[in-house]
C-alpha atoms as a PDB file:
ATOM      1  CA  UNK A   1     -32.437  11.882 -64.788  1.00  0.00           C
ATOM      2  CA  UNK A   2     -30.986   8.439 -63.634  1.00  0.00           C
ATOM      3  CA  UNK A   3     -33.506   5.801 -62.990  1.00  0.00           C
ATOM      4  CA  UNK A   4     -33.963   5.206 -58.940  1.00  0.00           C
ATOM      5  CA  UNK A   5     -36.638   2.257 -59.354  1.00  0.00           C
ATOM      6  CA  UNK A   6     -36.823   1.830 -55.385  1.00  0.00           C
ATOM      7  CA  UNK A   7     -37.598   5.727 -54.999  1.00  0.00           C
ATOM      8  CA  UNK A   8     -40.427   5.123 -57.603  1.00  0.00           C
ATOM      9  CA  UNK A   9     -41.613   1.790 -56.541  1.00  0.00           C
ATOM     10  CA  UNK A  10     -42.333   4.029 -52.983  1.00  0.00           C
ATOM     11  CA  UNK A  11     -43.757   7.231 -54.366  1.00  0.00           C
ATOM     12  CA  UNK A  12     -46.183   4.746 -56.439  1.00  0.00           C
ATOM     13  CA  UNK A  13     -47.058   2.941 -52.996  1.00  0.00           C
ATOM     14  CA  UNK A  14     -47.748   6.272 -51.647  1.00  0.00           C
ATOM     15  CA  UNK A  15     -50.165   7.046 -54.533  1.00  0.00           C
ATOM     16  CA  UNK A  16     -52.255   3.631 -54.034  1.00  0.00           C
ATOM     17  CA  UNK A  17     -52.336   4.693 -49.862  1.00  0.00           C
ATOM     18  CA  UNK A  18     -53.274   8.303 -50.877  1.00  0.00           C
ATOM     19  CA  UNK A  19     -55.650   7.622 -53.645  1.00  0.00           C
ATOM     20  CA  UNK A  20     -58.551   5.394 -51.682  1.00  0.00           C
ATOM     21  CA  UNK A  21     -57.983   7.414 -48.330  1.00  0.00           C
ATOM     22  CA  UNK A  22     -58.977  10.521 -50.854  1.00  0.00           C
ATOM     23  CA  UNK A  23     -62.041   8.473 -52.082  1.00  0.00           C
ATOM     24  CA  UNK A  24     -63.021   7.713 -48.703  1.00  0.00           C
ATOM     25  CA  UNK A  25     -63.094  11.153 -47.327  1.00  0.00           C
ATOM     26  CA  UNK A  26     -65.032  11.796 -50.192  1.00  0.00           C
ATOM     27  CA  UNK A  27     -67.144   9.144 -49.378  1.00  0.00           C
ATOM     28  CA  UNK A  28     -67.615  10.224 -45.479  1.00  0.00           C
ATOM     29  CA  UNK A  29     -68.064  13.824 -46.747  1.00  0.00           C
ATOM     30  CA  UNK A  30     -70.850  13.157 -49.344  1.00  0.00           C
ATOM     31  CA  UNK A  31     -72.948  12.127 -46.661  1.00  0.00           C
ATOM     32  CA  UNK A  32     -73.560  15.910 -46.031  1.00  0.00           C
ATOM     33  CA  UNK A  33     -72.118  17.938 -48.838  1.00  0.00           C
ATOM     34  CA  UNK A  34     -72.803  18.095 -52.229  1.00  0.00           C
ATOM     35  CA  UNK A  35     -70.713  16.648 -54.818  1.00  0.00           C
ATOM     36  CA  UNK A  36     -70.040  20.040 -56.509  1.00  0.00           C
ATOM     37  CA  UNK A  37     -69.315  21.517 -53.256  1.00  0.00           C
ATOM     38  CA  UNK A  38     -67.013  18.853 -52.645  1.00  0.00           C
ATOM     39  CA  UNK A  39     -65.054  19.233 -56.201  1.00  0.00           C
ATOM     40  CA  UNK A  40     -65.065  22.972 -55.521  1.00  0.00           C
ATOM     41  CA  UNK A  41     -63.067  22.518 -52.449  1.00  0.00           C
ATOM     42  CA  UNK A  42     -60.653  19.949 -54.287  1.00  0.00           C
ATOM     43  CA  UNK A  43     -59.712  22.221 -56.786  1.00  0.00           C
ATOM     44  CA  UNK A  44     -58.888  24.967 -54.565  1.00  0.00           C
ATOM     45  CA  UNK A  45     -56.837  23.106 -52.044  1.00  0.00           C
ATOM     46  CA  UNK A  46     -54.851  22.023 -55.430  1.00  0.00           C
ATOM     47  CA  UNK A  47     -54.486  25.562 -56.362  1.00  0.00           C
ATOM     48  CA  UNK A  48     -53.478  26.768 -53.099  1.00  0.00           C
ATOM     49  CA  UNK A  49     -50.806  24.227 -52.324  1.00  0.00           C
ATOM     50  CA  UNK A  50     -49.274  24.191 -55.598  1.00  0.00           C
ATOM     51  CA  UNK A  51     -49.080  28.032 -56.537  1.00  0.00           C
ATOM     52  CA  UNK A  52     -46.439  28.813 -53.847  1.00  0.00           C
ATOM     53  CA  UNK A  53     -44.215  26.127 -55.458  1.00  0.00           C
ATOM     54  CA  UNK A  54     -45.065  27.793 -58.960  1.00  0.00           C
ATOM     55  CA  UNK A  55     -44.056  31.206 -57.587  1.00  0.00           C
ATOM     56  CA  UNK A  56     -41.240  30.030 -55.161  1.00  0.00           C
ATOM     57  CA  UNK A  57     -39.781  26.909 -56.809  1.00  0.00           C
ATOM     58  CA  UNK A  58     -39.352  28.080 -60.456  1.00  0.00           C
ATOM     59  CA  UNK A  59     -42.194  25.688 -61.686  1.00  0.00           C
ATOM     60  CA  UNK A  60     -43.367  27.141 -64.635  1.00  0.00           C
ATOM     61  CA  UNK A  61     -47.151  27.389 -66.047  1.00  0.00           C
ATOM     62  CA  UNK A  62     -47.700  26.501 -69.477  1.00  0.00           C
ATOM     63  CA  UNK A  63     -47.548  29.660 -71.301  1.00  0.00           C
ATOM     64  CA  UNK A  64     -48.253  28.502 -74.939  1.00  0.00           C
ATOM     65  CA  UNK A  65     -51.584  28.846 -76.772  1.00  0.00           C
ATOM     66  CA  UNK A  66     -51.725  25.225 -77.395  1.00  0.00           C
ATOM     67  CA  UNK A  67     -51.040  23.971 -73.832  1.00  0.00           C
ATOM     68  CA  UNK A  68     -53.098  26.115 -72.092  1.00  0.00           C
ATOM     69  CA  UNK A  69     -55.783  25.285 -74.390  1.00  0.00           C
ATOM     70  CA  UNK A  70     -55.129  21.434 -73.886  1.00  0.00           C
ATOM     71  CA  UNK A  71     -54.784  21.919 -70.010  1.00  0.00           C
ATOM     72  CA  UNK A  72     -58.276  23.344 -69.986  1.00  0.00           C
ATOM     73  CA  UNK A  73     -59.641  20.119 -72.174  1.00  0.00           C
ATOM     74  CA  UNK A  74     -57.590  18.345 -69.637  1.00  0.00           C
ATOM     75  CA  UNK A  75     -59.114  19.945 -66.478  1.00  0.00           C
ATOM     76  CA  UNK A  76     -62.658  19.872 -68.199  1.00  0.00           C
ATOM     77  CA  UNK A  77     -62.317  16.229 -67.762  1.00  0.00           C
ATOM     78  CA  UNK A  78     -60.844  16.095 -64.354  1.00  0.00           C
ATOM     79  CA  UNK A  79     -63.506  17.796 -63.085  1.00  0.00           C
ATOM     80  CA  UNK A  80     -66.166  15.350 -64.872  1.00  0.00           C
ATOM     81  CA  UNK A  81     -63.786  12.680 -63.557  1.00  0.00           C
ATOM     82  CA  UNK A  82     -63.481  13.182 -59.983  1.00  0.00           C
ATOM     83  CA  UNK A  83     -67.429  14.403 -59.741  1.00  0.00           C
ATOM     84  CA  UNK A  84     -68.558  11.289 -61.270  1.00  0.00           C
ATOM     85  CA  UNK A  85     -66.229   9.465 -58.765  1.00  0.00           C
ATOM     86  CA  UNK A  86     -67.360  11.144 -55.760  1.00  0.00           C
ATOM     87  CA  UNK A  87     -71.042  10.714 -56.939  1.00  0.00           C
ATOM     88  CA  UNK A  88     -70.415   6.737 -57.493  1.00  0.00           C
ATOM     89  CA  UNK A  89     -69.261   6.356 -53.463  1.00  0.00           C
ATOM     90  CA  UNK A  90     -72.467   7.386 -52.397  1.00  0.00           C
ATOM     91  CA  UNK A  91     -73.997   4.554 -53.867  1.00  0.00           C
ATOM     92  CA  UNK A  92     -71.259   1.935 -54.039  1.00  0.00           C
ATOM     93  CA  UNK A  93     -68.893   0.291 -51.534  1.00  0.00           C
ATOM     94  CA  UNK A  94     -65.334   2.051 -51.654  1.00  0.00           C
ATOM     95  CA  UNK A  95     -63.505  -1.145 -53.180  1.00  0.00           C
ATOM     96  CA  UNK A  96     -66.455  -1.824 -55.896  1.00  0.00           C
ATOM     97  CA  UNK A  97     -65.955   1.685 -57.212  1.00  0.00           C
ATOM     98  CA  UNK A  98     -62.542   1.613 -57.381  1.00  0.00           C
ATOM     99  CA  UNK A  99     -62.426  -1.849 -59.250  1.00  0.00           C
ATOM    100  CA  UNK A 100     -65.280  -0.706 -61.536  1.00  0.00           C
ATOM    101  CA  UNK A 101     -63.028   2.094 -62.763  1.00  0.00           C
ATOM    102  CA  UNK A 102     -60.106  -0.182 -63.332  1.00  0.00           C
ATOM    103  CA  UNK A 103     -61.524  -0.767 -66.448  1.00  0.00           C
ATOM    104  CA  UNK A 104     -59.709   2.289 -67.591  1.00  0.00           C
ATOM    105  CA  UNK A 105     -57.079   0.371 -68.922  1.00  0.00           C
ATOM    106  CA  UNK A 106     -58.811  -1.666 -71.511  1.00  0.00           C
ATOM    107  CA  UNK A 107     -60.653   1.569 -72.647  1.00  0.00           C
ATOM    108  CA  UNK A 108     -57.225   3.128 -72.948  1.00  0.00           C
ATOM    109  CA  UNK A 109     -55.809   0.424 -75.209  1.00  0.00           C
ATOM    110  CA  UNK A 110     -59.094   0.443 -77.272  1.00  0.00           C
ATOM    111  CA  UNK A 111     -58.720   3.906 -77.658  1.00  0.00           C
ATOM    112  CA  UNK A 112     -55.012   3.896 -78.720  1.00  0.00           C
ATOM    113  CA  UNK A 113     -56.206   1.506 -81.494  1.00  0.00           C
ATOM    114  CA  UNK A 114     -58.790   3.397 -82.665  1.00  0.00           C
ATOM    115  CA  UNK A 115     -57.672   7.345 -82.396  1.00  0.00           C
ATOM    116  CA  UNK A 116     -53.392   6.824 -81.964  1.00  0.00           C
ATOM    117  CA  UNK A 117     -53.433   3.673 -84.490  1.00  0.00           C
ATOM    118  CA  UNK A 118     -51.537   1.980 -82.083  1.00  0.00           C
ATOM    119  CA  UNK A 119     -50.858  -1.912 -82.924  1.00  0.00           C
ATOM    120  CA  UNK A 120     -53.073  -3.953 -80.510  1.00  0.00           C
ATOM    121  CA  UNK A 121     -52.591  -7.840 -80.904  1.00  0.00           C
ATOM    122  CA  UNK A 122     -55.202 -10.339 -80.316  1.00  0.00           C
ATOM    123  CA  UNK A 123     -54.145 -11.452 -77.297  1.00  0.00           C
ATOM    124  CA  UNK A 124     -54.547  -8.169 -75.200  1.00  0.00           C
ATOM    125  CA  UNK A 125     -57.790  -7.719 -77.101  1.00  0.00           C
ATOM    126  CA  UNK A 126     -58.708 -11.078 -75.376  1.00  0.00           C
ATOM    127  CA  UNK A 127     -57.982  -9.835 -72.334  1.00  0.00           C
ATOM    128  CA  UNK A 128     -59.753  -6.580 -72.536  1.00  0.00           C
ATOM    129  CA  UNK A 129     -62.790  -8.675 -73.150  1.00  0.00           C
ATOM    130  CA  UNK A 130     -62.373 -10.710 -70.185  1.00  0.00           C
ATOM    131  CA  UNK A 131     -61.246  -7.444 -67.937  1.00  0.00           C
ATOM    132  CA  UNK A 132     -64.667  -6.258 -69.394  1.00  0.00           C
ATOM    133  CA  UNK A 133     -66.518  -9.471 -68.016  1.00  0.00           C
ATOM    134  CA  UNK A 134     -64.991  -9.140 -64.648  1.00  0.00           C
ATOM    135  CA  UNK A 135     -66.187  -5.680 -64.381  1.00  0.00           C
ATOM    136  CA  UNK A 136     -69.739  -6.914 -65.415  1.00  0.00           C
ATOM    137  CA  UNK A 137     -69.588  -8.847 -62.515  1.00  0.00           C
ATOM    138  CA  UNK A 138     -68.709  -6.465 -59.810  1.00  0.00           C
ATOM    139  CA  UNK A 139     -71.671  -3.966 -61.656  1.00  0.00           C
ATOM    140  CA  UNK A 140     -74.242  -6.444 -61.708  1.00  0.00           C
ATOM    141  CA  UNK A 141     -74.766  -7.161 -57.856  1.00  0.00           C
ATOM    142  CA  UNK A 142     -74.522  -3.077 -57.310  1.00  0.00           C
ATOM    143  CA  UNK A 143     -76.988  -2.403 -60.607  1.00  0.00           C
ATOM    144  CA  UNK A 144     -79.194  -4.633 -58.792  1.00  0.00           C
ATOM    145  CA  UNK A 145     -78.898  -2.593 -55.519  1.00  0.00           C
ATOM    146  CA  UNK A 146     -78.829   0.855 -56.633  1.00  0.00           C
ATOM    147  CA  UNK A 147     -79.888   0.728 -60.671  1.00  0.00           C
ATOM    148  CA  UNK A 148     -77.859   3.436 -62.813  1.00  0.00           C
ATOM    149  CA  UNK A 149     -75.670   4.994 -60.144  1.00  0.00           C
ATOM    150  CA  UNK A 150     -73.544   1.466 -60.452  1.00  0.00           C
ATOM    151  CA  UNK A 151     -72.486   2.748 -63.768  1.00  0.00           C
ATOM    152  CA  UNK A 152     -70.587   5.830 -62.716  1.00  0.00           C
ATOM    153  CA  UNK A 153     -67.374   4.238 -61.880  1.00  0.00           C
ATOM    154  CA  UNK A 154     -67.571   3.085 -65.837  1.00  0.00           C
ATOM    155  CA  UNK A 155     -68.137   6.797 -66.479  1.00  0.00           C
ATOM    156  CA  UNK A 156     -65.177   7.649 -64.610  1.00  0.00           C
ATOM    157  CA  UNK A 157     -63.159   5.358 -66.634  1.00  0.00           C
ATOM    158  CA  UNK A 158     -63.757   6.523 -69.904  1.00  0.00           C
ATOM    159  CA  UNK A 159     -63.389  10.281 -68.743  1.00  0.00           C
ATOM    160  CA  UNK A 160     -60.071   9.303 -67.156  1.00  0.00           C
ATOM    161  CA  UNK A 161     -58.639   7.184 -70.398  1.00  0.00           C
ATOM    162  CA  UNK A 162     -59.523  10.195 -72.399  1.00  0.00           C
ATOM    163  CA  UNK A 163     -57.790  12.432 -69.692  1.00  0.00           C
ATOM    164  CA  UNK A 164     -54.533  10.057 -69.789  1.00  0.00           C
ATOM    165  CA  UNK A 165     -54.433  10.421 -73.417  1.00  0.00           C
ATOM    166  CA  UNK A 166     -54.700  14.308 -73.490  1.00  0.00           C
ATOM    167  CA  UNK A 167     -51.951  14.081 -70.819  1.00  0.00           C
ATOM    168  CA  UNK A 168     -49.667  11.881 -73.127  1.00  0.00           C
ATOM    169  CA  UNK A 169     -50.075  14.708 -75.482  1.00  0.00           C
ATOM    170  CA  UNK A 170     -48.447  17.601 -73.629  1.00  0.00           C
ATOM    171  CA  UNK A 171     -46.650  15.875 -71.124  1.00  0.00           C
ATOM    172  CA  UNK A 172     -43.243  16.172 -72.253  1.00  0.00           C
ATOM    173  CA  UNK A 173     -43.996  20.116 -72.840  1.00  0.00           C
ATOM    174  CA  UNK A 174     -44.773  21.512 -69.567  1.00  0.00           C
ATOM    175  CA  UNK A 175     -44.107  20.777 -65.848  1.00  0.00           C
ATOM    176  CA  UNK A 176     -46.346  18.890 -63.971  1.00  0.00           C
ATOM    177  CA  UNK A 177     -46.583  21.444 -60.873  1.00  0.00           C
ATOM    178  CA  UNK A 178     -47.485  24.352 -63.081  1.00  0.00           C
ATOM    179  CA  UNK A 179     -49.741  22.098 -64.910  1.00  0.00           C
ATOM    180  CA  UNK A 180     -51.559  21.123 -62.098  1.00  0.00           C
ATOM    181  CA  UNK A 181     -51.579  24.824 -60.426  1.00  0.00           C
ATOM    182  CA  UNK A 182     -52.896  26.180 -63.667  1.00  0.00           C
ATOM    183  CA  UNK A 183     -55.377  23.263 -63.786  1.00  0.00           C
ATOM    184  CA  UNK A 184     -56.718  24.392 -60.049  1.00  0.00           C
ATOM    185  CA  UNK A 185     -56.683  28.096 -61.389  1.00  0.00           C
ATOM    186  CA  UNK A 186     -58.852  26.928 -64.457  1.00  0.00           C
ATOM    187  CA  UNK A 187     -61.419  25.045 -62.228  1.00  0.00           C
ATOM    188  CA  UNK A 188     -61.971  27.431 -59.515  1.00  0.00           C
ATOM    189  CA  UNK A 189     -64.208  29.709 -61.525  1.00  0.00           C
ATOM    190  CA  UNK A 190     -65.876  26.933 -63.402  1.00  0.00           C
ATOM    191  CA  UNK A 191     -67.134  25.801 -60.218  1.00  0.00           C
ATOM    192  CA  UNK A 192     -67.773  28.650 -58.292  1.00  0.00           C
ATOM    193  CA  UNK A 193     -70.069  29.851 -61.186  1.00  0.00           C
ATOM    194  CA  UNK A 194     -71.556  26.335 -60.907  1.00  0.00           C
ATOM    195  CA  UNK A 195     -72.308  26.583 -57.156  1.00  0.00           C
ATOM    196  CA  UNK A 196     -73.852  29.971 -57.777  1.00  0.00           C
ATOM    197  CA  UNK A 197     -75.875  29.553 -60.944  1.00  0.00           C
ATOM    198  CA  UNK A 198     -77.464  26.383 -60.003  1.00  0.00           C
ATOM    199  CA  UNK A 199     -78.024  26.346 -55.738  1.00  0.00           C
ATOM    200  CA  UNK A 200     -81.097  24.479 -56.060  1.00  0.00           C
ATOM    201  CA  UNK A 201     -80.145  21.437 -57.952  1.00  0.00           C
ATOM    202  CA  UNK A 202     -79.056  18.893 -55.152  1.00  0.00           C
ATOM    203  CA  UNK A 203     -75.468  18.115 -57.037  1.00  0.00           C
ATOM    204  CA  UNK A 204     -74.239  21.857 -56.613  1.00  0.00           C
ATOM    205  CA  UNK A 205     -76.171  22.734 -53.346  1.00  0.00           C
ATOM    206  CA  UNK A 206     -73.848  24.785 -50.649  1.00  0.00           C
ATOM    207  CA  UNK A 207     -74.820  23.431 -47.455  1.00  0.00           C
ATOM    208  CA  UNK A 208     -73.934  24.672 -43.729  1.00  0.00           C
ATOM    209  CA  UNK A 209     -70.398  23.209 -43.168  1.00  0.00           C
ATOM    210  CA  UNK A 210     -69.166  22.555 -39.515  1.00  0.00           C
ATOM    211  CA  UNK A 211     -65.577  22.837 -38.221  1.00  0.00           C
ATOM    212  CA  UNK A 212     -65.074  19.102 -38.406  1.00  0.00           C
ATOM    213  CA  UNK A 213     -65.953  18.827 -41.911  1.00  0.00           C
ATOM    214  CA  UNK A 214     -63.771  21.629 -42.785  1.00  0.00           C
ATOM    215  CA  UNK A 215     -60.949  19.591 -41.710  1.00  0.00           C
ATOM    216  CA  UNK A 216     -61.941  17.003 -43.724  1.00  0.00           C
ATOM    217  CA  UNK A 217     -62.281  19.129 -46.716  1.00  0.00           C
ATOM    218  CA  UNK A 218     -58.841  20.431 -46.608  1.00  0.00           C
ATOM    219  CA  UNK A 219     -57.919  16.475 -46.279  1.00  0.00           C
ATOM    220  CA  UNK A 220     -59.767  15.632 -49.014  1.00  0.00           C
ATOM    221  CA  UNK A 221     -58.231  18.340 -51.038  1.00  0.00           C
ATOM    222  CA  UNK A 222     -54.469  17.680 -49.897  1.00  0.00           C
ATOM    223  CA  UNK A 223     -55.035  14.044 -50.202  1.00  0.00           C
ATOM    224  CA  UNK A 224     -56.167  14.449 -53.943  1.00  0.00           C
ATOM    225  CA  UNK A 225     -53.452  16.882 -55.105  1.00  0.00           C
ATOM    226  CA  UNK A 226     -50.633  14.603 -53.314  1.00  0.00           C
ATOM    227  CA  UNK A 227     -51.962  11.501 -54.567  1.00  0.00           C
ATOM    228  CA  UNK A 228     -51.244  12.998 -58.557  1.00  0.00           C
ATOM    229  CA  UNK A 229     -48.397  14.364 -57.752  1.00  0.00           C
ATOM    230  CA  UNK A 230     -46.903  10.961 -55.943  1.00  0.00           C
ATOM    231  CA  UNK A 231     -48.023   9.441 -59.238  1.00  0.00           C
ATOM    232  CA  UNK A 232     -46.454  12.164 -61.562  1.00  0.00           C
ATOM    233  CA  UNK A 233     -43.160  11.929 -59.458  1.00  0.00           C
ATOM    234  CA  UNK A 234     -42.929   8.265 -59.414  1.00  0.00           C
ATOM    235  CA  UNK A 235     -42.817   8.404 -63.200  1.00  0.00           C
ATOM    236  CA  UNK A 236     -39.408  10.434 -63.045  1.00  0.00           C
ATOM    237  CA  UNK A 237     -38.081   7.878 -60.912  1.00  0.00           C
ATOM    238  CA  UNK A 238     -38.877   4.483 -62.915  1.00  0.00           C
ATOM    239  CA  UNK A 239     -40.397   3.385 -65.993  1.00  0.00           C
ATOM    240  CA  UNK A 240     -43.820   3.115 -66.280  1.00  0.00           C
ATOM    241  CA  UNK A 241     -43.690  -0.824 -67.049  1.00  0.00           C
ATOM    242  CA  UNK A 242     -42.567  -1.476 -63.639  1.00  0.00           C
ATOM    243  CA  UNK A 243     -45.406   1.047 -61.903  1.00  0.00           C
ATOM    244  CA  UNK A 244     -48.381   0.134 -63.863  1.00  0.00           C
ATOM    245  CA  UNK A 245     -48.658  -3.012 -62.157  1.00  0.00           C
ATOM    246  CA  UNK A 246     -48.498  -1.599 -58.577  1.00  0.00           C
ATOM    247  CA  UNK A 247     -51.246   0.516 -59.014  1.00  0.00           C
ATOM    248  CA  UNK A 248     -53.836  -2.377 -58.657  1.00  0.00           C
ATOM    249  CA  UNK A 249     -52.874  -2.253 -55.120  1.00  0.00           C
ATOM    250  CA  UNK A 250     -55.316   0.615 -55.214  1.00  0.00           C
ATOM    251  CA  UNK A 251     -57.861  -2.313 -55.231  1.00  0.00           C
ATOM    252  CA  UNK A 252     -57.134  -4.476 -51.930  1.00  0.00           C
ATOM    253  CA  UNK A 253     -55.742  -0.955 -50.333  1.00  0.00           C
ATOM    254  CA  UNK A 254     -59.261   0.269 -50.740  1.00  0.00           C
ATOM    255  CA  UNK A 255     -60.977  -2.891 -49.884  1.00  0.00           C
ATOM    256  CA  UNK A 256     -59.604  -2.723 -46.205  1.00  0.00           C
ATOM    257  CA  UNK A 257     -60.020   1.072 -45.775  1.00  0.00           C
ATOM    258  CA  UNK A 258     -63.793   0.444 -47.010  1.00  0.00           C
ATOM    259  CA  UNK A 259     -64.112  -2.478 -44.585  1.00  0.00           C
ATOM    260  CA  UNK A 260     -62.348  -0.405 -41.428  1.00  0.00           C
ATOM    261  CA  UNK A 261     -63.983   3.045 -42.309  1.00  0.00           C
ATOM    262  CA  UNK A 262     -67.518   1.476 -43.703  1.00  0.00           C
ATOM    263  CA  UNK A 263     -67.730  -2.025 -42.795  1.00  0.00           C
ATOM    264  CA  UNK A 264     -68.005  -2.902 -46.577  1.00  0.00           C
ATOM    265  CA  UNK A 265     -66.801  -5.810 -48.309  1.00  0.00           C
ATOM    266  CA  UNK A 266     -67.337  -6.763 -51.941  1.00  0.00           C
ATOM    267  CA  UNK A 267     -70.204  -9.565 -52.190  1.00  0.00           C
ATOM    268  CA  UNK A 268     -69.224 -13.127 -53.642  1.00  0.00           C
ATOM    269  CA  UNK A 269     -69.958 -11.920 -57.355  1.00  0.00           C
ATOM    270  CA  UNK A 270     -68.484  -8.795 -57.072  1.00  0.00           C
ATOM    271  CA  UNK A 271     -65.207 -10.310 -55.157  1.00  0.00           C
ATOM    272  CA  UNK A 272     -64.836 -12.794 -58.296  1.00  0.00           C
ATOM    273  CA  UNK A 273     -64.626  -9.939 -60.742  1.00  0.00           C
ATOM    274  CA  UNK A 274     -62.392  -7.734 -59.055  1.00  0.00           C
ATOM    275  CA  UNK A 275     -60.233 -10.754 -59.139  1.00  0.00           C
ATOM    276  CA  UNK A 276     -60.751 -10.937 -63.060  1.00  0.00           C
ATOM    277  CA  UNK A 277     -60.567  -7.652 -63.586  1.00  0.00           C
ATOM    278  CA  UNK A 278     -56.998  -7.546 -61.524  1.00  0.00           C
ATOM    279  CA  UNK A 279     -55.478 -10.809 -63.385  1.00  0.00           C
ATOM    280  CA  UNK A 280     -57.114  -9.112 -67.034  1.00  0.00           C
ATOM    281  CA  UNK A 281     -55.375  -5.924 -66.256  1.00  0.00           C
ATOM    282  CA  UNK A 282     -51.726  -7.431 -65.216  1.00  0.00           C
ATOM    283  CA  UNK A 283     -52.068  -9.604 -68.287  1.00  0.00           C
ATOM    284  CA  UNK A 284     -52.424  -6.449 -70.270  1.00  0.00           C
ATOM    285  CA  UNK A 285     -49.647  -4.803 -68.461  1.00  0.00           C
ATOM    286  CA  UNK A 286     -47.018  -7.861 -68.879  1.00  0.00           C
ATOM    287  CA  UNK A 287     -47.858  -8.205 -72.379  1.00  0.00           C
ATOM    288  CA  UNK A 288     -47.287  -4.301 -73.284  1.00  0.00           C
ATOM    289  CA  UNK A 289     -43.882  -5.367 -71.111  1.00  0.00           C
ATOM    290  CA  UNK A 290     -42.971  -7.989 -73.052  1.00  0.00           C
ATOM    291  CA  UNK A 291     -43.779  -6.250 -76.695  1.00  0.00           C
ATOM    292  CA  UNK A 292     -41.903  -3.338 -75.685  1.00  0.00           C
ATOM    293  CA  UNK A 293     -38.716  -5.459 -74.260  1.00  0.00           C
ATOM    294  CA  UNK A 294     -38.775  -7.239 -77.966  1.00  0.00           C
ATOM    295  CA  UNK A 295     -38.882  -3.926 -79.756  1.00  0.00           C
ATOM    296  CA  UNK A 296     -35.732  -2.533 -77.928  1.00  0.00           C
ATOM    297  CA  UNK A 297     -33.668  -5.917 -78.579  1.00  0.00           C
ATOM    298  CA  UNK A 298     -34.895  -6.237 -82.357  1.00  0.00           C
ATOM    299  CA  UNK A 299     -32.588  -5.455 -84.708  1.00  0.00           C
ATOM    300  CA  UNK A 300     -32.800  -2.482 -86.994  1.00  0.00           C
ATOM    301  CA  UNK A 301     -34.208  -3.155 -90.189  1.00  0.00           C
END
């Protein structure tokens, strides 16, 4: 497929808008509805939206046993990551939660070095250290206010770094829409059994839902599903090196949404931490691009 960078950039912009909107919707709903039920509806909507594309548009779901097992692992990680993010939003401002979770690129870099034996030079390791310092500056004031829940987005980052590593191992062998549809089908019984088995645990409590909340629940599932698809499709039309820096637009977009919906703004220390995290993350990405260009232009040995 021929690269169409402008289309890829527009699709990634759509992701950067829809993802924080989905998080804001989860934050609104989380005031009255348990995280477990929110996640259940999120994956029900994913299956509902994508299964017709599998049936009528020729998108195949994974059939190989290995791919099914890896998709199941990926789904379990996705459930954990989304659950922790939705839980964190009940304690933290939207922008702070998103910014803390953006420690993920640094964790992925370190995981790649440890598990995939990828070469990571001192400049990128130093940028990781700086990025972690920036993240700590965002965590510290929130930890002082709410305690341990301020660390939930760090858990989100770790889970989604593992999620991305699993995705990378199977991405070339599966249709993304088919994989996401199967993921929804796997998640639904897992979450349904959890809701039925643990009704007295607040995380899984099923409360009465009124008409307005049902609309927001449908919106939550639609935003989450469409955001993920926009990101996947963007990578089909533009190189990841072009699109990766754009993902940091989630943080200012989340800040704007957080202000207008919840009247939340990061405090001074958190704002400095967000700026440091963004700068360190962009440095890592630009360093990766420079190394990739040198590798592409270097003569064969």
